[in-house]
Amino acid sequence: QVQLVESGGGLVQAGGSLRLSCAASRGIFSINAMGWYRQAPGKQRELVATITSGGNTNYADSVKGRFTISRDSAKNTVYLQMNSLKPEDTAVYYCNALRIIPTGKVDYWGQGTQVTVSS
């Protein structure tokens, strides 16, 4: 079992920055990939960014060039640096951890952290 705890959300003006953190309860070396997803009111949860155990990253088109995902394996933590924030980035951001197992995959989710960008 992997427990994920997010932090770093808050209220920021458009153009500002925030850094989200996601601390895992066990070594993330056992995790195949981690990522950030977000869900705005009335919308489906969507992928924001992912990073694999090999360090490969993937971003949604809407955040490319503004957001950066990174990880610190020694601290079992994944980060999402968000710059040039826009009101449309307002959402609850969720941390995800993915483990590939012989029978399929297992997803773990954090409790979510609110990000609000004012215009």
C-alpha atoms as a PDB file:
ATOM      1  CA  GLN A   1       0.000   0.000   0.000  1.00  0.00           C
ATOM      2  CA  VAL A   2       1.230   3.476  -0.865  1.00  0.00           C
ATOM      3  CA  GLN A   3      -0.107   6.568   0.856  1.00  0.00           C
ATOM      4  CA  LEU A   4       0.293   9.905  -0.859  1.00  0.00           C
ATOM      5  CA  VAL A   5       0.095  13.271   0.879  1.00  0.00           C
ATOM      6  CA  GLU A   6      -0.077  16.452  -1.190  1.00  0.00           C
ATOM      7  CA  SER A   7       0.764  19.941  -0.048  1.00  0.00           C
ATOM      8  CA  GLY A   8       1.474  23.346  -1.525  1.00  0.00           C
ATOM      9  CA  GLY A   9      -1.866  24.393  -2.913  1.00  0.00           C
ATOM     10  CA  GLY A  10      -3.381  27.791  -2.295  1.00  0.00           C
ATOM     11  CA  LEU A  11      -4.593  31.042  -3.775  1.00  0.00           C
ATOM     12  CA  VAL A  12      -2.420  32.926  -6.225  1.00  0.00           C
ATOM     13  CA  GLN A  13      -2.909  35.720  -8.742  1.00  0.00           C
ATOM     14  CA  ALA A  14      -2.698  35.072 -12.452  1.00  0.00           C
ATOM     15  CA  GLY A  15       0.913  35.004 -13.570  1.00  0.00           C
ATOM     16  CA  GLY A  16       2.101  33.740 -10.210  1.00  0.00           C
ATOM     17  CA  SER A  17       3.714  30.473  -9.192  1.00  0.00           C
ATOM     18  CA  LEU A  18       3.067  27.587  -6.840  1.00  0.00           C
ATOM     19  CA  ARG A  19       4.910  24.362  -6.103  1.00  0.00           C
ATOM     20  CA  LEU A  20       2.991  21.261  -5.181  1.00  0.00           C
ATOM     21  CA  SER A  21       4.597  18.412  -3.284  1.00  0.00           C
ATOM     22  CA  CYS A  22       3.528  14.790  -3.010  1.00  0.00           C
ATOM     23  CA  ALA A  23       5.162  12.669  -0.337  1.00  0.00           C
ATOM     24  CA  ALA A  24       4.873   8.886  -0.643  1.00  0.00           C
ATOM     25  CA  SER A  25       4.745   6.644   2.411  1.00  0.00           C
ATOM     26  CA  ARG A  26       7.142   4.147   0.895  1.00  0.00           C
ATOM     27  CA  GLY A  27      10.062   4.220  -1.432  1.00  0.00           C
ATOM     28  CA  ILE A  28       9.021   5.473  -4.801  1.00  0.00           C
ATOM     29  CA  PHE A  29      11.571   3.170  -6.341  1.00  0.00           C
ATOM     30  CA  SER A  30       8.775   0.555  -6.262  1.00  0.00           C
ATOM     31  CA  ILE A  31       6.510   2.892  -8.222  1.00  0.00           C
ATOM     32  CA  ASN A  32       6.572   2.738 -12.006  1.00  0.00           C
ATOM     33  CA  ALA A  33       5.283   6.261 -12.548  1.00  0.00           C
ATOM     34  CA  MET A  34       3.897   9.200 -10.624  1.00  0.00           C
ATOM     35  CA  GLY A  35       1.866  12.070 -11.808  1.00  0.00           C
ATOM     36  CA  TRP A  36      -0.412  14.974 -11.160  1.00  0.00           C
ATOM     37  CA  TYR A  37      -4.025  15.168 -12.252  1.00  0.00           C
ATOM     38  CA  ARG A  38      -6.559  17.917 -11.731  1.00  0.00           C
ATOM     39  CA  GLN A  39     -10.295  18.279 -11.594  1.00  0.00           C
ATOM     40  CA  ALA A  40     -12.135  21.539 -11.997  1.00  0.00           C
ATOM     41  CA  PRO A  41     -15.774  21.962 -10.919  1.00  0.00           C
ATOM     42  CA  GLY A  42     -18.110  20.283 -13.369  1.00  0.00           C
ATOM     43  CA  LYS A  43     -15.268  18.738 -15.344  1.00  0.00           C
ATOM     44  CA  GLN A  44     -13.622  15.348 -15.534  1.00  0.00           C
ATOM     45  CA  ARG A  45     -10.291  14.665 -13.921  1.00  0.00           C
ATOM     46  CA  GLU A  46      -7.500  15.250 -16.399  1.00  0.00           C
ATOM     47  CA  LEU A  47      -3.824  14.440 -16.594  1.00  0.00           C
ATOM     48  CA  VAL A  48      -1.450  17.313 -15.934  1.00  0.00           C
ATOM     49  CA  ALA A  49       1.985  15.688 -15.900  1.00  0.00           C
ATOM     50  CA  THR A  50       3.652  12.348 -15.276  1.00  0.00           C
ATOM     51  CA  ILE A  51       7.166  11.136 -14.564  1.00  0.00           C
ATOM     52  CA  THR A  52       8.315   7.543 -14.900  1.00  0.00           C
ATOM     53  CA  SER A  53      10.799   5.684 -12.743  1.00  0.00           C
ATOM     54  CA  GLY A  54      13.271   6.250 -15.545  1.00  0.00           C
ATOM     55  CA  GLY A  55      12.737   9.995 -15.393  1.00  0.00           C
ATOM     56  CA  ASN A  56      10.716  10.380 -18.566  1.00  0.00           C
ATOM     57  CA  THR A  57       8.143  13.146 -18.353  1.00  0.00           C
ATOM     58  CA  ASN A  58       4.874  13.852 -20.107  1.00  0.00           C
ATOM     59  CA  TYR A  59       2.717  16.977 -19.967  1.00  0.00           C
ATOM     60  CA  ALA A  60      -0.731  18.041 -21.024  1.00  0.00           C
ATOM     61  CA  ASP A  61      -0.557  20.498 -23.900  1.00  0.00           C
ATOM     62  CA  SER A  62      -2.246  23.142 -21.766  1.00  0.00           C
ATOM     63  CA  VAL A  63       0.640  23.231 -19.266  1.00  0.00           C
ATOM     64  CA  LYS A  64       3.681  22.614 -21.465  1.00  0.00           C
ATOM     65  CA  GLY A  65       6.300  25.277 -20.948  1.00  0.00           C
ATOM     66  CA  ARG A  66       4.692  26.456 -17.704  1.00  0.00           C
ATOM     67  CA  PHE A  67       4.679  23.409 -15.410  1.00  0.00           C
ATOM     68  CA  THR A  68       7.580  21.127 -14.483  1.00  0.00           C
ATOM     69  CA  ILE A  69       7.315  17.762 -12.770  1.00  0.00           C
ATOM     70  CA  SER A  70      10.299  16.411 -10.875  1.00  0.00           C
ATOM     71  CA  ARG A  71      11.100  13.918  -8.166  1.00  0.00           C
ATOM     72  CA  ASP A  72      13.472  13.408  -5.271  1.00  0.00           C
ATOM     73  CA  SER A  73      13.838   9.680  -4.728  1.00  0.00           C
ATOM     74  CA  ALA A  74      15.780  10.181  -1.484  1.00  0.00           C
ATOM     75  CA  LYS A  75      12.779  12.043  -0.044  1.00  0.00           C
ATOM     76  CA  ASN A  76      10.132   9.863  -1.707  1.00  0.00           C
ATOM     77  CA  THR A  77       8.628  13.058  -3.060  1.00  0.00           C
ATOM     78  CA  VAL A  78       7.355  14.305  -6.386  1.00  0.00           C
ATOM     79  CA  TYR A  79       6.952  17.977  -7.172  1.00  0.00           C
ATOM     80  CA  LEU A  80       4.955  20.056  -9.602  1.00  0.00           C
ATOM     81  CA  GLN A  81       6.356  23.524 -10.199  1.00  0.00           C
ATOM     82  CA  MET A  82       3.649  25.699 -11.701  1.00  0.00           C
ATOM     83  CA  ASN A  83       4.603  29.007 -13.256  1.00  0.00           C
ATOM     84  CA  SER A  84       2.639  31.599 -15.229  1.00  0.00           C
ATOM     85  CA  LEU A  85      -0.554  30.348 -13.666  1.00  0.00           C
ATOM     86  CA  LYS A  86      -3.851  31.119 -15.354  1.00  0.00           C
ATOM     87  CA  PRO A  87      -7.403  31.219 -13.958  1.00  0.00           C
ATOM     88  CA  GLU A  88      -8.164  28.101 -15.991  1.00  0.00           C
ATOM     89  CA  ASP A  89      -5.574  26.219 -13.908  1.00  0.00           C
ATOM     90  CA  THR A  90      -7.946  26.475 -10.954  1.00  0.00           C
ATOM     91  CA  ALA A  91      -8.779  22.941  -9.801  1.00  0.00           C
ATOM     92  CA  VAL A  92      -8.196  20.333  -7.168  1.00  0.00           C
ATOM     93  CA  TYR A  93      -4.844  18.733  -7.930  1.00  0.00           C
ATOM     94  CA  TYR A  94      -4.349  15.060  -7.151  1.00  0.00           C
ATOM     95  CA  CYS A  95      -1.139  13.101  -6.882  1.00  0.00           C
ATOM     96  CA  ASN A  96      -1.110   9.648  -8.459  1.00  0.00           C
ATOM     97  CA  ALA A  97       1.236   6.696  -8.148  1.00  0.00           C
ATOM     98  CA  LEU A  98       1.144   3.786 -10.556  1.00  0.00           C
ATOM     99  CA  ARG A  99       2.484   0.298  -9.932  1.00  0.00           C
ATOM    100  CA  ILE A 100       2.594  -2.314 -12.642  1.00  0.00           C
ATOM    101  CA  ILE A 101       1.916  -5.787 -11.236  1.00  0.00           C
ATOM    102  CA  PRO A 102       1.754  -9.168 -12.968  1.00  0.00           C
ATOM    103  CA  THR A 103      -2.048  -9.039 -13.181  1.00  0.00           C
ATOM    104  CA  GLY A 104      -2.344  -5.449 -14.308  1.00  0.00           C
ATOM    105  CA  LYS A 105      -1.812  -2.134 -12.569  1.00  0.00           C
ATOM    106  CA  VAL A 106      -2.585  -0.484  -9.264  1.00  0.00           C
ATOM    107  CA  ASP A 107      -3.330   3.233  -8.868  1.00  0.00           C
ATOM    108  CA  TYR A 108      -2.883   5.162  -5.643  1.00  0.00           C
ATOM    109  CA  TRP A 109      -4.312   8.650  -5.109  1.00  0.00           C
ATOM    110  CA  GLY A 110      -3.719  11.455  -2.692  1.00  0.00           C
ATOM    111  CA  GLN A 111      -6.506  13.425  -1.049  1.00  0.00           C
ATOM    112  CA  GLY A 112      -6.093  16.422  -3.339  1.00  0.00           C
ATOM    113  CA  THR A 113      -4.996  19.994  -2.827  1.00  0.00           C
ATOM    114  CA  GLN A 114      -6.893  23.067  -4.017  1.00  0.00           C
ATOM    115  CA  VAL A 115      -5.241  25.499  -6.402  1.00  0.00           C
ATOM    116  CA  THR A 116      -7.101  28.736  -7.070  1.00  0.00           C
ATOM    117  CA  VAL A 117      -5.829  31.304  -9.556  1.00  0.00           C
ATOM    118  CA  SER A 118      -7.495  34.692  -9.464  1.00  0.00           C
ATOM    119  CA  SER A 119      -7.644  36.994 -12.478  1.00  0.00           C
END
